[in-house]
Structure formats: structure tokens, C-alpha cells
Amino acid sequence: LQSDGCAPAEATADLDVNNVRARLYNNGGLFWKGSSNVYTVPKDGP
């Protein structure tokens, strides 16, 4: 494989239909990837 290969995954979506806000990524990780973490319960709380 070339060292550059494909560009890193950048997509994100929030699972937020109930009282959880879970930020999801398509890079193998969930809730955090270097910025603020988001698995907020209750979803509008601190």
C-alpha cells in the first residue's frame, strides 16, 4: 500500500433519537476522534 492510501474517514453522525446523544465515526472509533467527546446522557445535559 502507498503510505498515503485512501484519505482518512471523515464522516460523522449523531445517534440521538432518545435521551442519549452518541457521536459516531466511520474510522473504527466512536464518540471521540481528537476533539470533544460526545456520549452525552441526558443528551441536553453537561
All heavy atoms as atom14 arrays in JSON, in Angstrom:
{
  "sequence": "LQSDGCAPAEATADLDVNNVRARLYNNGGLFWKGSSNVYTVPKDGP",
  "atom14_mask": [
    [1, 1, 1, 1, 1, 1, 1, 1, 0, 0, 0, 0, 0, 0],
    [1, 1, 1, 1, 1, 1, 1, 1, 1, 0, 0, 0, 0, 0],
    [1, 1, 1, 1, 1, 1, 0, 0, 0, 0, 0, 0, 0, 0],
    [1, 1, 1, 1, 1, 1, 1, 1, 0, 0, 0, 0, 0, 0],
    [1, 1, 1, 1, 0, 0, 0, 0, 0, 0, 0, 0, 0, 0],
    [1, 1, 1, 1, 1, 1, 0, 0, 0, 0, 0, 0, 0, 0],
    [1, 1, 1, 1, 1, 0, 0, 0, 0, 0, 0, 0, 0, 0],
    [1, 1, 1, 1, 1, 1, 1, 0, 0, 0, 0, 0, 0, 0],
    [1, 1, 1, 1, 1, 0, 0, 0, 0, 0, 0, 0, 0, 0],
    [1, 1, 1, 1, 1, 1, 1, 1, 1, 0, 0, 0, 0, 0],
    [1, 1, 1, 1, 1, 0, 0, 0, 0, 0, 0, 0, 0, 0],
    [1, 1, 1, 1, 1, 1, 1, 0, 0, 0, 0, 0, 0, 0],
    [1, 1, 1, 1, 1, 0, 0, 0, 0, 0, 0, 0, 0, 0],
    [1, 1, 1, 1, 1, 1, 1, 1, 0, 0, 0, 0, 0, 0],
    [1, 1, 1, 1, 1, 1, 1, 1, 0, 0, 0, 0, 0, 0],
    [1, 1, 1, 1, 1, 1, 1, 1, 0, 0, 0, 0, 0, 0],
    [1, 1, 1, 1, 1, 1, 1, 0, 0, 0, 0, 0, 0, 0],
    [1, 1, 1, 1, 1, 1, 1, 1, 0, 0, 0, 0, 0, 0],
    [1, 1, 1, 1, 1, 1, 1, 1, 0, 0, 0, 0, 0, 0],
    [1, 1, 1, 1, 1, 1, 1, 0, 0, 0, 0, 0, 0, 0],
    [1, 1, 1, 1, 1, 1, 1, 1, 1, 1, 1, 0, 0, 0],
    [1, 1, 1, 1, 1, 0, 0, 0, 0, 0, 0, 0, 0, 0],
    [1, 1, 1, 1, 1, 1, 1, 1, 1, 1, 1, 0, 0, 0],
    [1, 1, 1, 1, 1, 1, 1, 1, 0, 0, 0, 0, 0, 0],
    [1, 1, 1, 1, 1, 1, 1, 1, 1, 1, 1, 1, 0, 0],
    [1, 1, 1, 1, 1, 1, 1, 1, 0, 0, 0, 0, 0, 0],
    [1, 1, 1, 1, 1, 1, 1, 1, 0, 0, 0, 0, 0, 0],
    [1, 1, 1, 1, 0, 0, 0, 0, 0, 0, 0, 0, 0, 0],
    [1, 1, 1, 1, 0, 0, 0, 0, 0, 0, 0, 0, 0, 0],
    [1, 1, 1, 1, 1, 1, 1, 1, 0, 0, 0, 0, 0, 0],
    [1, 1, 1, 1, 1, 1, 1, 1, 1, 1, 1, 0, 0, 0],
    [1, 1, 1, 1, 1, 1, 1, 1, 1, 1, 1, 1, 1, 1],
    [1, 1, 1, 1, 1, 1, 1, 1, 1, 0, 0, 0, 0, 0],
    [1, 1, 1, 1, 0, 0, 0, 0, 0, 0, 0, 0, 0, 0],
    [1, 1, 1, 1, 1, 1, 0, 0, 0, 0, 0, 0, 0, 0],
    [1, 1, 1, 1, 1, 1, 0, 0, 0, 0, 0, 0, 0, 0],
    [1, 1, 1, 1, 1, 1, 1, 1, 0, 0, 0, 0, 0, 0],
    [1, 1, 1, 1, 1, 1, 1, 0, 0, 0, 0, 0, 0, 0],
    [1, 1, 1, 1, 1, 1, 1, 1, 1, 1, 1, 1, 0, 0],
    [1, 1, 1, 1, 1, 1, 1, 0, 0, 0, 0, 0, 0, 0],
    [1, 1, 1, 1, 1, 1, 1, 0, 0, 0, 0, 0, 0, 0],
    [1, 1, 1, 1, 1, 1, 1, 0, 0, 0, 0, 0, 0, 0],
    [1, 1, 1, 1, 1, 1, 1, 1, 1, 0, 0, 0, 0, 0],
    [1, 1, 1, 1, 1, 1, 1, 1, 0, 0, 0, 0, 0, 0],
    [1, 1, 1, 1, 0, 0, 0, 0, 0, 0, 0, 0, 0, 0],
    [1, 1, 1, 1, 1, 1, 1, 0, 0, 0, 0, 0, 0, 0]
  ],
  "atom14_positions": [
    [[0.82, -1.2, 0.0], [0.0, 0.0, 0.0], [0.86, 1.26, 0.0], [1.92, 1.31, 0.63], [-0.9, 0.01, 1.23], [-1.95, -1.1, 1.29], [-2.58, -1.13, 2.67], [-3.02, -0.88, 0.23], [0.0, 0.0, 0.0], [0.0, 0.0, 0.0], [0.0, 0.0, 0.0], [0.0, 0.0, 0.0], [0.0, 0.0, 0.0], [0.0, 0.0, 0.0]],
    [[0.42, 2.24, -0.73], [1.09, 3.53, -0.66], [0.89, 4.13, 0.73], [-0.12, 3.89, 1.39], [0.52, 4.47, -1.72], [0.7, 3.98, -3.14], [2.16, 3.91, -3.53], [2.95, 4.77, -3.16], [2.52, 2.87, -4.27], [0.0, 0.0, 0.0], [0.0, 0.0, 0.0], [0.0, 0.0, 0.0], [0.0, 0.0, 0.0], [0.0, 0.0, 0.0]],
    [[1.86, 4.9, 1.19], [1.76, 5.45, 2.54], [0.57, 6.39, 2.67], [0.01, 6.54, 3.75], [3.05, 6.19, 2.91], [3.28, 7.25, 2.0], [0.0, 0.0, 0.0], [0.0, 0.0, 0.0], [0.0, 0.0, 0.0], [0.0, 0.0, 0.0], [0.0, 0.0, 0.0], [0.0, 0.0, 0.0], [0.0, 0.0, 0.0], [0.0, 0.0, 0.0]],
    [[0.18, 7.04, 1.55], [-0.98, 7.92, 1.65], [-2.27, 7.11, 1.59], [-3.18, 7.35, 2.34], [-0.95, 8.99, 0.56], [-0.7, 8.42, -0.83], [-0.53, 7.19, -0.96], [-0.69, 9.2, -1.8], [0.0, 0.0, 0.0], [0.0, 0.0, 0.0], [0.0, 0.0, 0.0], [0.0, 0.0, 0.0], [0.0, 0.0, 0.0], [0.0, 0.0, 0.0]],
    [[-2.36, 6.1, 0.72], [-3.55, 5.26, 0.63], [-4.8, 6.11, 0.44], [-4.78, 7.15, -0.2], [0.0, 0.0, 0.0], [0.0, 0.0, 0.0], [0.0, 0.0, 0.0], [0.0, 0.0, 0.0], [0.0, 0.0, 0.0], [0.0, 0.0, 0.0], [0.0, 0.0, 0.0], [0.0, 0.0, 0.0], [0.0, 0.0, 0.0], [0.0, 0.0, 0.0]],
    [[-5.91, 5.63, 1.0], [-7.14, 6.42, 1.0], [-7.03, 7.52, 2.05], [-6.33, 7.38, 3.05], [-8.34, 5.54, 1.29], [-9.0, 4.68, -0.16], [0.0, 0.0, 0.0], [0.0, 0.0, 0.0], [0.0, 0.0, 0.0], [0.0, 0.0, 0.0], [0.0, 0.0, 0.0], [0.0, 0.0, 0.0], [0.0, 0.0, 0.0], [0.0, 0.0, 0.0]],
    [[-7.78, 8.57, 1.82], [-7.83, 9.64, 2.82], [-8.53, 9.12, 4.07], [-9.37, 8.22, 4.01], [-8.58, 10.84, 2.26], [0.0, 0.0, 0.0], [0.0, 0.0, 0.0], [0.0, 0.0, 0.0], [0.0, 0.0, 0.0], [0.0, 0.0, 0.0], [0.0, 0.0, 0.0], [0.0, 0.0, 0.0], [0.0, 0.0, 0.0], [0.0, 0.0, 0.0]],
    [[-8.18, 9.65, 5.24], [-8.85, 9.21, 6.48], [-10.35, 9.43, 6.41], [-10.83, 10.35, 5.75], [-8.2, 10.1, 7.55], [-6.89, 10.52, 6.97], [-7.12, 10.64, 5.5], [0.0, 0.0, 0.0], [0.0, 0.0, 0.0], [0.0, 0.0, 0.0], [0.0, 0.0, 0.0], [0.0, 0.0, 0.0], [0.0, 0.0, 0.0], [0.0, 0.0, 0.0]],
    [[-11.08, 8.58, 7.11], [-12.53, 8.72, 7.18], [-12.9, 10.01, 7.89], [-12.33, 10.35, 8.92], [-13.13, 7.52, 7.92], [0.0, 0.0, 0.0], [0.0, 0.0, 0.0], [0.0, 0.0, 0.0], [0.0, 0.0, 0.0], [0.0, 0.0, 0.0], [0.0, 0.0, 0.0], [0.0, 0.0, 0.0], [0.0, 0.0, 0.0], [0.0, 0.0, 0.0]],
    [[-13.87, 10.72, 7.35], [-14.28, 11.99, 7.91], [-15.76, 12.07, 8.26], [-16.2, 13.02, 8.89], [-13.96, 13.13, 6.92], [-12.48, 13.32, 6.65], [-11.72, 13.82, 7.87], [-12.37, 14.34, 8.81], [-10.49, 13.69, 7.9], [0.0, 0.0, 0.0], [0.0, 0.0, 0.0], [0.0, 0.0, 0.0], [0.0, 0.0, 0.0], [0.0, 0.0, 0.0]],
    [[-16.55, 11.08, 7.86], [-17.99, 11.14, 8.09], [-18.31, 11.04, 9.58], [-17.57, 10.41, 10.35], [-18.69, 10.03, 7.32], [0.0, 0.0, 0.0], [0.0, 0.0, 0.0], [0.0, 0.0, 0.0], [0.0, 0.0, 0.0], [0.0, 0.0, 0.0], [0.0, 0.0, 0.0], [0.0, 0.0, 0.0], [0.0, 0.0, 0.0], [0.0, 0.0, 0.0]],
    [[-19.4, 11.63, 9.95], [-19.87, 11.57, 11.34], [-21.39, 11.7, 11.36], [-21.98, 12.28, 10.44], [-19.22, 12.67, 12.2], [-19.63, 12.53, 13.57], [-19.61, 14.04, 11.7], [0.0, 0.0, 0.0], [0.0, 0.0, 0.0], [0.0, 0.0, 0.0], [0.0, 0.0, 0.0], [0.0, 0.0, 0.0], [0.0, 0.0, 0.0], [0.0, 0.0, 0.0]],
    [[-22.01, 11.13, 12.38], [-23.46, 11.24, 12.55], [-23.78, 11.07, 14.03], [-23.07, 10.36, 14.75], [-24.19, 10.2, 11.71], [0.0, 0.0, 0.0], [0.0, 0.0, 0.0], [0.0, 0.0, 0.0], [0.0, 0.0, 0.0], [0.0, 0.0, 0.0], [0.0, 0.0, 0.0], [0.0, 0.0, 0.0], [0.0, 0.0, 0.0], [0.0, 0.0, 0.0]],
    [[-24.84, 11.7, 14.47], [-25.28, 11.59, 15.87], [-26.47, 10.64, 15.97], [-27.49, 10.83, 15.28], [-25.7, 12.96, 16.41], [-24.5, 13.83, 16.75], [-23.36, 13.4, 16.52], [-24.73, 14.96, 17.24], [0.0, 0.0, 0.0], [0.0, 0.0, 0.0], [0.0, 0.0, 0.0], [0.0, 0.0, 0.0], [0.0, 0.0, 0.0], [0.0, 0.0, 0.0]],
    [[-26.34, 9.64, 16.82], [-27.47, 8.79, 17.2], [-28.15, 9.5, 18.36], [-27.59, 9.59, 19.46], [-26.96, 7.41, 17.6], [-27.97, 6.29, 17.81], [-28.71, 5.96, 16.52], [-27.27, 5.04, 18.34], [0.0, 0.0, 0.0], [0.0, 0.0, 0.0], [0.0, 0.0, 0.0], [0.0, 0.0, 0.0], [0.0, 0.0, 0.0], [0.0, 0.0, 0.0]],
    [[-29.37, 10.02, 18.14], [-29.92, 10.97, 19.11], [-31.44, 10.91, 19.23], [-32.07, 11.89, 19.64], [-29.5, 12.4, 18.74], [-29.89, 12.79, 17.32], [-30.55, 11.98, 16.62], [-29.56, 13.92, 16.89], [0.0, 0.0, 0.0], [0.0, 0.0, 0.0], [0.0, 0.0, 0.0], [0.0, 0.0, 0.0], [0.0, 0.0, 0.0], [0.0, 0.0, 0.0]],
    [[-32.05, 9.76, 18.92], [-33.5, 9.69, 18.93], [-34.06, 9.61, 20.35], [-35.23, 9.95, 20.58], [-33.98, 8.49, 18.1], [-33.71, 7.17, 18.81], [-35.45, 8.61, 17.73], [0.0, 0.0, 0.0], [0.0, 0.0, 0.0], [0.0, 0.0, 0.0], [0.0, 0.0, 0.0], [0.0, 0.0, 0.0], [0.0, 0.0, 0.0], [0.0, 0.0, 0.0]],
    [[-33.26, 9.16, 21.31], [-33.75, 9.04, 22.68], [-33.01, 10.03, 23.58], [-32.67, 11.13, 23.13], [-33.67, 7.6, 23.18], [-32.26, 7.03, 23.11], [-31.28, 7.75, 22.97], [-32.17, 5.71, 23.2], [0.0, 0.0, 0.0], [0.0, 0.0, 0.0], [0.0, 0.0, 0.0], [0.0, 0.0, 0.0], [0.0, 0.0, 0.0], [0.0, 0.0, 0.0]],
    [[-32.72, 9.68, 24.81], [-32.1, 10.64, 25.73], [-30.58, 10.51, 25.76], [-29.94, 10.9, 26.74], [-32.66, 10.46, 27.15], [-32.54, 11.72, 27.98], [-32.5, 12.83, 27.44], [-32.45, 11.57, 29.29], [0.0, 0.0, 0.0], [0.0, 0.0, 0.0], [0.0, 0.0, 0.0], [0.0, 0.0, 0.0], [0.0, 0.0, 0.0], [0.0, 0.0, 0.0]],
    [[-30.01, 9.95, 24.7], [-28.56, 9.86, 24.53], [-28.18, 10.57, 23.24], [-28.85, 10.43, 22.22], [-28.09, 8.39, 24.44], [-26.57, 8.32, 24.27], [-28.54, 7.59, 25.66], [0.0, 0.0, 0.0], [0.0, 0.0, 0.0], [0.0, 0.0, 0.0], [0.0, 0.0, 0.0], [0.0, 0.0, 0.0], [0.0, 0.0, 0.0], [0.0, 0.0, 0.0]],
    [[-27.1, 11.35, 23.29], [-26.5, 11.86, 22.06], [-25.15, 11.18, 21.9], [-24.21, 11.44, 22.65], [-26.32, 13.38, 22.11], [-25.82, 13.97, 20.78], [-25.67, 15.5, 20.86], [-26.85, 16.13, 21.41], [-27.96, 16.38, 20.72], [-28.04, 16.01, 19.45], [-29.0, 16.97, 21.3], [0.0, 0.0, 0.0], [0.0, 0.0, 0.0], [0.0, 0.0, 0.0]],
    [[-25.07, 10.26, 20.93], [-23.85, 9.48, 20.7], [-23.27, 9.88, 19.35], [-23.91, 9.68, 18.31], [-24.16, 7.99, 20.72], [0.0, 0.0, 0.0], [0.0, 0.0, 0.0], [0.0, 0.0, 0.0], [0.0, 0.0, 0.0], [0.0, 0.0, 0.0], [0.0, 0.0, 0.0], [0.0, 0.0, 0.0], [0.0, 0.0, 0.0], [0.0, 0.0, 0.0]],
    [[-22.07, 10.44, 19.37], [-21.44, 10.86, 18.11], [-20.64, 9.68, 17.54], [-19.75, 9.12, 18.2], [-20.53, 12.06, 18.35], [-19.92, 12.63, 17.07], [-19.78, 14.13, 17.18], [-21.08, 14.78, 17.36], [-21.23, 16.03, 17.8], [-20.17, 16.75, 18.12], [-22.43, 16.55, 17.94], [0.0, 0.0, 0.0], [0.0, 0.0, 0.0], [0.0, 0.0, 0.0]],
    [[-20.96, 9.31, 16.31], [-20.39, 8.13, 15.68], [-19.47, 8.53, 14.53], [-19.69, 9.54, 13.85], [-21.52, 7.24, 15.15], [-22.68, 6.95, 16.12], [-23.69, 6.02, 15.46], [-22.17, 6.36, 17.42], [0.0, 0.0, 0.0], [0.0, 0.0, 0.0], [0.0, 0.0, 0.0], [0.0, 0.0, 0.0], [0.0, 0.0, 0.0], [0.0, 0.0, 0.0]],
    [[-18.45, 7.69, 14.31], [-17.49, 7.91, 13.23], [-17.3, 6.62, 12.45], [-17.53, 5.53, 12.97], [-16.15, 8.37, 13.8], [-16.24, 9.62, 14.66], [-16.3, 9.53, 16.05], [-16.29, 10.88, 14.07], [-16.4, 10.67, 16.83], [-16.39, 12.03, 14.85], [-16.44, 11.92, 16.23], [-16.54, 13.05, 17.01], [0.0, 0.0, 0.0], [0.0, 0.0, 0.0]],
    [[-16.85, 6.75, 11.21], [-16.66, 5.57, 10.36], [-15.18, 5.21, 10.22], [-14.72, 4.77, 9.16], [-17.29, 5.79, 8.98], [-16.67, 6.95, 8.22], [-16.11, 7.87, 8.81], [-16.82, 6.94, 6.9], [0.0, 0.0, 0.0], [0.0, 0.0, 0.0], [0.0, 0.0, 0.0], [0.0, 0.0, 0.0], [0.0, 0.0, 0.0], [0.0, 0.0, 0.0]],
    [[-14.43, 5.38, 11.32], [-12.99, 5.08, 11.3], [-12.61, 3.97, 12.28], [-11.43, 3.73, 12.51], [-12.19, 6.34, 11.63], [-12.56, 6.94, 12.99], [-13.28, 6.32, 13.78], [-12.08, 8.14, 13.27], [0.0, 0.0, 0.0], [0.0, 0.0, 0.0], [0.0, 0.0, 0.0], [0.0, 0.0, 0.0], [0.0, 0.0, 0.0], [0.0, 0.0, 0.0]],
    [[-13.6, 3.31, 12.86], [-13.34, 2.27, 13.86], [-13.51, 2.74, 15.28], [-13.49, 1.93, 16.21], [0.0, 0.0, 0.0], [0.0, 0.0, 0.0], [0.0, 0.0, 0.0], [0.0, 0.0, 0.0], [0.0, 0.0, 0.0], [0.0, 0.0, 0.0], [0.0, 0.0, 0.0], [0.0, 0.0, 0.0], [0.0, 0.0, 0.0], [0.0, 0.0, 0.0]],
    [[-13.65, 4.06, 15.46], [-13.84, 4.62, 16.79], [-15.22, 5.22, 16.94], [-15.91, 5.49, 15.96], [0.0, 0.0, 0.0], [0.0, 0.0, 0.0], [0.0, 0.0, 0.0], [0.0, 0.0, 0.0], [0.0, 0.0, 0.0], [0.0, 0.0, 0.0], [0.0, 0.0, 0.0], [0.0, 0.0, 0.0], [0.0, 0.0, 0.0], [0.0, 0.0, 0.0]],
    [[-15.6, 5.42, 18.19], [-16.89, 6.03, 18.48], [-16.71, 7.11, 19.55], [-15.86, 6.96, 20.44], [-17.88, 4.98, 19.01], [-18.21, 3.79, 18.1], [-19.04, 2.77, 18.87], [-18.93, 4.24, 16.85], [0.0, 0.0, 0.0], [0.0, 0.0, 0.0], [0.0, 0.0, 0.0], [0.0, 0.0, 0.0], [0.0, 0.0, 0.0], [0.0, 0.0, 0.0]],
    [[-17.5, 8.16, 19.43], [-17.7, 9.18, 20.47], [-16.58, 10.22, 20.55], [-16.8, 11.29, 21.1], [-17.92, 8.55, 21.85], [-18.79, 7.33, 21.84], [-18.43, 6.19, 22.55], [-19.96, 7.31, 21.1], [-19.24, 5.06, 22.54], [-20.78, 6.18, 21.08], [-20.41, 5.05, 21.8], [0.0, 0.0, 0.0], [0.0, 0.0, 0.0], [0.0, 0.0, 0.0]],
    [[-15.39, 9.94, 20.03], [-14.27, 10.88, 20.12], [-13.26, 10.53, 19.03], [-13.01, 9.36, 18.76], [-13.59, 10.78, 21.48], [-12.36, 11.63, 21.64], [-12.3, 12.93, 22.03], [-11.0, 11.23, 21.43], [-10.99, 13.37, 22.07], [-10.17, 12.33, 21.71], [-10.39, 10.03, 21.03], [-8.78, 12.29, 21.6], [-9.02, 9.98, 20.91], [-8.22, 11.11, 21.2]],
    [[-12.69, 11.54, 18.41], [-11.57, 11.29, 17.49], [-10.57, 12.45, 17.49], [-9.98, 12.77, 16.48], [-12.06, 10.99, 16.08], [-12.64, 12.16, 15.31], [-12.79, 11.78, 13.83], [-13.14, 12.98, 12.97], [-13.19, 12.63, 11.54], [0.0, 0.0, 0.0], [0.0, 0.0, 0.0], [0.0, 0.0, 0.0], [0.0, 0.0, 0.0], [0.0, 0.0, 0.0]],
    [[-10.41, 13.05, 18.65], [-9.42, 14.1, 18.78], [-10.01, 15.45, 19.16], [-9.27, 16.36, 19.5], [0.0, 0.0, 0.0], [0.0, 0.0, 0.0], [0.0, 0.0, 0.0], [0.0, 0.0, 0.0], [0.0, 0.0, 0.0], [0.0, 0.0, 0.0], [0.0, 0.0, 0.0], [0.0, 0.0, 0.0], [0.0, 0.0, 0.0], [0.0, 0.0, 0.0]],
    [[-11.32, 15.57, 19.11], [-11.97, 16.8, 19.54], [-12.8, 16.48, 20.78], [-12.5, 15.53, 21.5], [-12.85, 17.34, 18.4], [-13.78, 16.35, 17.98], [0.0, 0.0, 0.0], [0.0, 0.0, 0.0], [0.0, 0.0, 0.0], [0.0, 0.0, 0.0], [0.0, 0.0, 0.0], [0.0, 0.0, 0.0], [0.0, 0.0, 0.0], [0.0, 0.0, 0.0]],
    [[-13.84, 17.23, 21.03], [-14.66, 16.98, 22.21], [-15.34, 15.61, 22.11], [-15.8, 15.21, 21.05], [-15.72, 18.07, 22.35], [-15.1, 19.33, 22.54], [0.0, 0.0, 0.0], [0.0, 0.0, 0.0], [0.0, 0.0, 0.0], [0.0, 0.0, 0.0], [0.0, 0.0, 0.0], [0.0, 0.0, 0.0], [0.0, 0.0, 0.0], [0.0, 0.0, 0.0]],
    [[-15.39, 14.92, 23.24], [-16.1, 13.64, 23.27], [-17.59, 13.88, 23.41], [-18.03, 14.81, 24.08], [-15.59, 12.75, 24.4], [-15.7, 13.4, 25.76], [-15.27, 14.53, 25.95], [-16.26, 12.68, 26.72], [0.0, 0.0, 0.0], [0.0, 0.0, 0.0], [0.0, 0.0, 0.0], [0.0, 0.0, 0.0], [0.0, 0.0, 0.0], [0.0, 0.0, 0.0]],
    [[-18.39, 13.01, 22.76], [-19.83, 13.17, 22.8], [-20.49, 11.81, 22.98], [-20.71, 11.06, 22.04], [-20.39, 13.85, 21.52], [-21.9, 13.98, 21.61], [-19.74, 15.21, 21.3], [0.0, 0.0, 0.0], [0.0, 0.0, 0.0], [0.0, 0.0, 0.0], [0.0, 0.0, 0.0], [0.0, 0.0, 0.0], [0.0, 0.0, 0.0], [0.0, 0.0, 0.0]],
    [[-20.74, 11.43, 24.21], [-21.73, 10.4, 24.56], [-22.46, 10.99, 25.76], [-22.19, 10.65, 26.92], [-21.08, 9.06, 24.9], [-22.11, 7.94, 24.95], [-22.41, 7.21, 23.81], [-22.79, 7.64, 26.12], [-23.36, 6.2, 23.84], [-23.74, 6.63, 26.16], [-24.02, 5.91, 25.02], [-24.97, 4.92, 25.06], [0.0, 0.0, 0.0], [0.0, 0.0, 0.0]],
    [[-23.36, 11.91, 25.45], [-23.98, 12.76, 26.45], [-25.31, 12.16, 26.92], [-26.18, 11.86, 26.12], [-24.23, 14.16, 25.86], [-23.05, 14.63, 25.22], [-24.62, 15.13, 26.95], [0.0, 0.0, 0.0], [0.0, 0.0, 0.0], [0.0, 0.0, 0.0], [0.0, 0.0, 0.0], [0.0, 0.0, 0.0], [0.0, 0.0, 0.0], [0.0, 0.0, 0.0]],
    [[-25.4, 11.97, 28.24], [-26.62, 11.44, 28.86], [-26.9, 12.22, 30.14], [-26.06, 12.24, 31.03], [-26.47, 9.94, 29.21], [-27.84, 9.37, 29.59], [-25.85, 9.14, 28.09], [0.0, 0.0, 0.0], [0.0, 0.0, 0.0], [0.0, 0.0, 0.0], [0.0, 0.0, 0.0], [0.0, 0.0, 0.0], [0.0, 0.0, 0.0], [0.0, 0.0, 0.0]],
    [[-28.06, 12.9, 30.28], [-29.07, 13.11, 29.23], [-28.52, 13.97, 28.1], [-27.56, 14.73, 28.29], [-30.2, 13.8, 29.98], [-29.58, 14.41, 31.18], [-28.41, 13.55, 31.56], [0.0, 0.0, 0.0], [0.0, 0.0, 0.0], [0.0, 0.0, 0.0], [0.0, 0.0, 0.0], [0.0, 0.0, 0.0], [0.0, 0.0, 0.0], [0.0, 0.0, 0.0]],
    [[-29.12, 13.86, 26.93], [-28.47, 14.38, 25.73], [-28.34, 15.9, 25.7], [-27.49, 16.42, 24.98], [-29.19, 13.9, 24.48], [-30.59, 14.42, 24.26], [-31.15, 13.82, 22.96], [-32.55, 14.28, 22.67], [-33.1, 13.63, 21.45], [0.0, 0.0, 0.0], [0.0, 0.0, 0.0], [0.0, 0.0, 0.0], [0.0, 0.0, 0.0], [0.0, 0.0, 0.0]],
    [[-29.12, 16.6, 26.48], [-29.0, 18.06, 26.53], [-28.31, 18.53, 27.81], [-28.29, 19.73, 28.11], [-30.39, 18.7, 26.43], [-31.04, 18.44, 25.08], [-30.31, 18.45, 24.07], [-32.27, 18.22, 25.04], [0.0, 0.0, 0.0], [0.0, 0.0, 0.0], [0.0, 0.0, 0.0], [0.0, 0.0, 0.0], [0.0, 0.0, 0.0], [0.0, 0.0, 0.0]],
    [[-27.73, 17.6, 28.56], [-27.05, 17.95, 29.8], [-25.56, 18.19, 29.61], [-25.03, 18.07, 28.5], [0.0, 0.0, 0.0], [0.0, 0.0, 0.0], [0.0, 0.0, 0.0], [0.0, 0.0, 0.0], [0.0, 0.0, 0.0], [0.0, 0.0, 0.0], [0.0, 0.0, 0.0], [0.0, 0.0, 0.0], [0.0, 0.0, 0.0], [0.0, 0.0, 0.0]],
    [[-24.83, 18.49, 30.69], [-23.41, 18.82, 30.59], [-22.49, 17.61, 30.69], [-21.29, 17.73, 30.42], [-23.2, 19.74, 31.8], [-24.17, 19.22, 32.82], [-25.38, 18.76, 32.05], [0.0, 0.0, 0.0], [0.0, 0.0, 0.0], [0.0, 0.0, 0.0], [0.0, 0.0, 0.0], [0.0, 0.0, 0.0], [0.0, 0.0, 0.0], [0.0, 0.0, 0.0]]
  ]
}
